Protein backbone atom coordinates (compact mmCIF):
# COMPACT_ATOMS: atom_id res chain seq x y z
CA MET A 1 -78.53 -117.76 -45.30
CA TYR A 2 -76.68 -119.22 -48.24
CA GLU A 3 -73.08 -120.07 -47.64
CA PRO A 4 -70.96 -120.99 -50.66
CA THR A 5 -69.10 -124.27 -50.69
CA ARG A 6 -65.63 -123.77 -49.31
CA THR A 7 -64.13 -126.96 -50.56
CA LYS A 8 -62.17 -127.06 -53.75
CA HIS A 9 -63.87 -128.63 -56.77
CA THR A 10 -62.23 -131.93 -57.60
CA VAL A 11 -62.14 -133.72 -60.90
CA CYS A 12 -62.50 -137.47 -61.13
CA THR A 13 -59.06 -138.95 -61.68
CA HIS A 14 -59.99 -142.63 -61.75
CA GLY A 15 -58.33 -143.23 -65.07
CA PRO A 16 -58.82 -142.04 -68.59
CA HIS A 17 -62.26 -141.02 -69.79
CA ARG A 18 -63.94 -143.32 -72.25
CA SER A 19 -65.41 -142.21 -75.51
CA ARG A 20 -69.14 -142.45 -76.13
CA GLU A 21 -68.45 -145.39 -78.47
CA GLU A 22 -66.54 -147.23 -75.72
CA GLU A 23 -69.32 -146.59 -73.21
CA LEU A 24 -71.95 -147.87 -75.64
CA THR A 25 -69.85 -150.96 -76.36
CA ILE A 26 -69.55 -151.70 -72.65
CA ARG A 27 -73.29 -151.19 -72.12
CA LEU A 28 -74.21 -153.37 -75.10
CA ALA A 29 -71.90 -156.16 -73.97
CA GLY A 30 -73.46 -155.97 -70.51
CA HIS A 31 -77.04 -156.17 -71.80
CA LEU A 32 -76.18 -159.04 -74.13
CA THR A 33 -74.35 -160.89 -71.34
CA ALA A 34 -77.40 -160.52 -69.08
CA LEU A 35 -79.61 -161.74 -71.94
CA LEU A 36 -77.26 -164.70 -72.42
CA THR A 37 -77.58 -165.58 -68.73
CA VAL A 38 -81.38 -165.57 -68.92
CA THR A 39 -81.22 -167.55 -72.17
CA ASP A 40 -79.02 -170.17 -70.49
CA GLU A 41 -81.54 -170.40 -67.65
CA LEU A 42 -84.37 -170.88 -70.17
CA ARG A 43 -82.31 -173.49 -72.04
CA ALA A 44 -81.92 -175.50 -68.83
CA LEU A 45 -85.63 -175.33 -68.03
CA THR A 46 -87.13 -175.57 -71.52
CA PRO A 47 -84.49 -177.00 -73.87
CA SER A 48 -84.87 -176.11 -77.55
CA PRO A 49 -82.62 -175.81 -80.59
CA GLU A 50 -83.77 -172.18 -81.00
CA LEU A 51 -82.51 -171.26 -77.52
CA ASP A 52 -79.26 -173.18 -78.11
CA ASP A 53 -78.68 -171.22 -81.31
CA ALA A 54 -79.58 -167.92 -79.65
CA ALA A 55 -77.18 -168.60 -76.77
CA HIS A 56 -74.39 -169.45 -79.18
CA ARG A 57 -74.91 -166.28 -81.23
CA LEU A 58 -75.20 -164.11 -78.10
CA ALA A 59 -71.94 -165.55 -76.76
CA LEU A 60 -70.20 -164.86 -80.07
CA ARG A 61 -71.45 -161.25 -80.14
CA VAL A 62 -70.34 -160.61 -76.56
CA GLN A 63 -66.96 -162.13 -77.35
CA HIS A 64 -66.66 -159.82 -80.36
CA LEU A 65 -67.55 -156.76 -78.27
CA ARG A 66 -65.43 -157.59 -75.23
CA GLY A 67 -62.56 -159.39 -76.89
CA SER A 68 -63.03 -162.40 -74.60
CA ALA A 69 -65.60 -165.10 -74.04
CA PRO A 70 -68.40 -164.19 -71.63
CA LEU A 71 -68.65 -165.87 -68.28
CA ARG A 72 -71.51 -168.36 -68.25
CA ALA A 73 -73.55 -168.97 -65.13
CA ARG A 74 -74.98 -172.29 -64.14
CA PRO A 75 -78.80 -172.23 -64.12
CA THR A 76 -80.26 -171.83 -60.64
CA THR A 77 -83.68 -173.47 -60.85
CA PRO A 78 -83.73 -177.26 -61.21
CA THR A 79 -87.40 -177.63 -62.19
CA PRO A 80 -89.50 -175.30 -64.32
CA THR A 81 -92.71 -173.74 -63.16
CA PRO A 82 -94.89 -171.85 -65.63
CA THR A 83 -94.63 -168.69 -63.53
CA HIS A 84 -90.83 -168.84 -63.41
CA VAL A 85 -90.51 -169.52 -67.14
CA THR A 86 -92.85 -166.61 -67.91
CA ALA A 87 -90.82 -164.33 -65.63
CA LEU A 88 -87.63 -165.37 -67.44
CA HIS A 89 -89.21 -164.59 -70.83
CA GLN A 90 -90.32 -161.20 -69.49
CA ARG A 91 -86.80 -160.47 -68.25
CA ALA A 92 -85.29 -161.61 -71.54
CA HIS A 93 -87.75 -159.43 -73.46
CA THR A 94 -86.76 -156.40 -71.39
CA LEU A 95 -83.03 -157.09 -71.80
CA ALA A 96 -83.39 -157.62 -75.55
CA GLY A 97 -85.20 -154.28 -75.79
CA GLN A 98 -82.44 -152.53 -73.86
CA ALA A 99 -79.78 -154.17 -76.03
CA LEU A 100 -81.66 -153.09 -79.16
CA VAL A 101 -81.70 -149.46 -78.04
CA VAL A 102 -77.97 -149.44 -77.24
CA ALA A 103 -77.02 -151.34 -80.42
CA THR A 104 -79.01 -148.82 -82.45
CA GLN A 105 -77.31 -145.90 -80.68
CA ARG A 106 -73.96 -147.52 -81.32
CA GLY A 107 -74.74 -148.14 -84.99
CA ASP A 108 -74.19 -151.88 -84.52
CA ALA A 109 -76.37 -153.52 -87.17
CA THR A 110 -75.39 -157.07 -86.16
CA GLY A 111 -76.11 -156.45 -82.49
CA ALA A 112 -79.37 -154.68 -83.30
CA ALA A 113 -80.55 -157.53 -85.53
CA LEU A 114 -79.73 -160.12 -82.87
CA ALA A 115 -81.43 -158.09 -80.13
CA ALA A 116 -84.51 -157.49 -82.31
CA GLU A 117 -84.75 -161.19 -83.11
CA ARG A 118 -84.60 -162.10 -79.42
CA LEU A 119 -87.10 -159.35 -78.58
CA HIS A 120 -89.60 -160.80 -81.05
CA ALA A 121 -88.95 -164.40 -79.95
CA HIS A 122 -89.63 -163.61 -76.29
CA ALA A 123 -92.61 -161.44 -77.20
CA ALA A 124 -94.07 -164.42 -79.05
CA LYS A 125 -93.57 -166.64 -75.98
CA LEU A 126 -95.36 -164.02 -73.88
CA GLY A 127 -98.17 -163.60 -76.39
CA ILE A 128 -97.24 -159.99 -77.08
CA THR A 129 -98.11 -158.71 -80.52
CA ASP A 130 -96.36 -155.64 -81.80
CA GLY A 131 -98.49 -154.99 -84.86
CA MET A 132 -95.66 -155.68 -87.30
């Protein structure tokens, strides 16, 4: 009934394996880049000095992690609707939370502080209270 696999076990040979630290750095840079993209979209729809500052600091952190400036996307929605802006804040809140988890795992105090700040800022825009 059971027939063992007759093929030879293969090992992935797609290049050198990365360390846990390298994997966490890549993940954190990815989360922060995604957060930067959403922040840029929010900046286009609801301009504010706070979002400008956040975008600048996110770009600097990604550049530090990756060693190169992040690619910046052009915002896609020309006019804001309350539903769309709320959805962007929800997405940014989620991304900031993910970045916070990875930054904490990585032991990156600067990244964790930035992610926590953005998490709280988007929570405030969504009317979420965290009891802190």
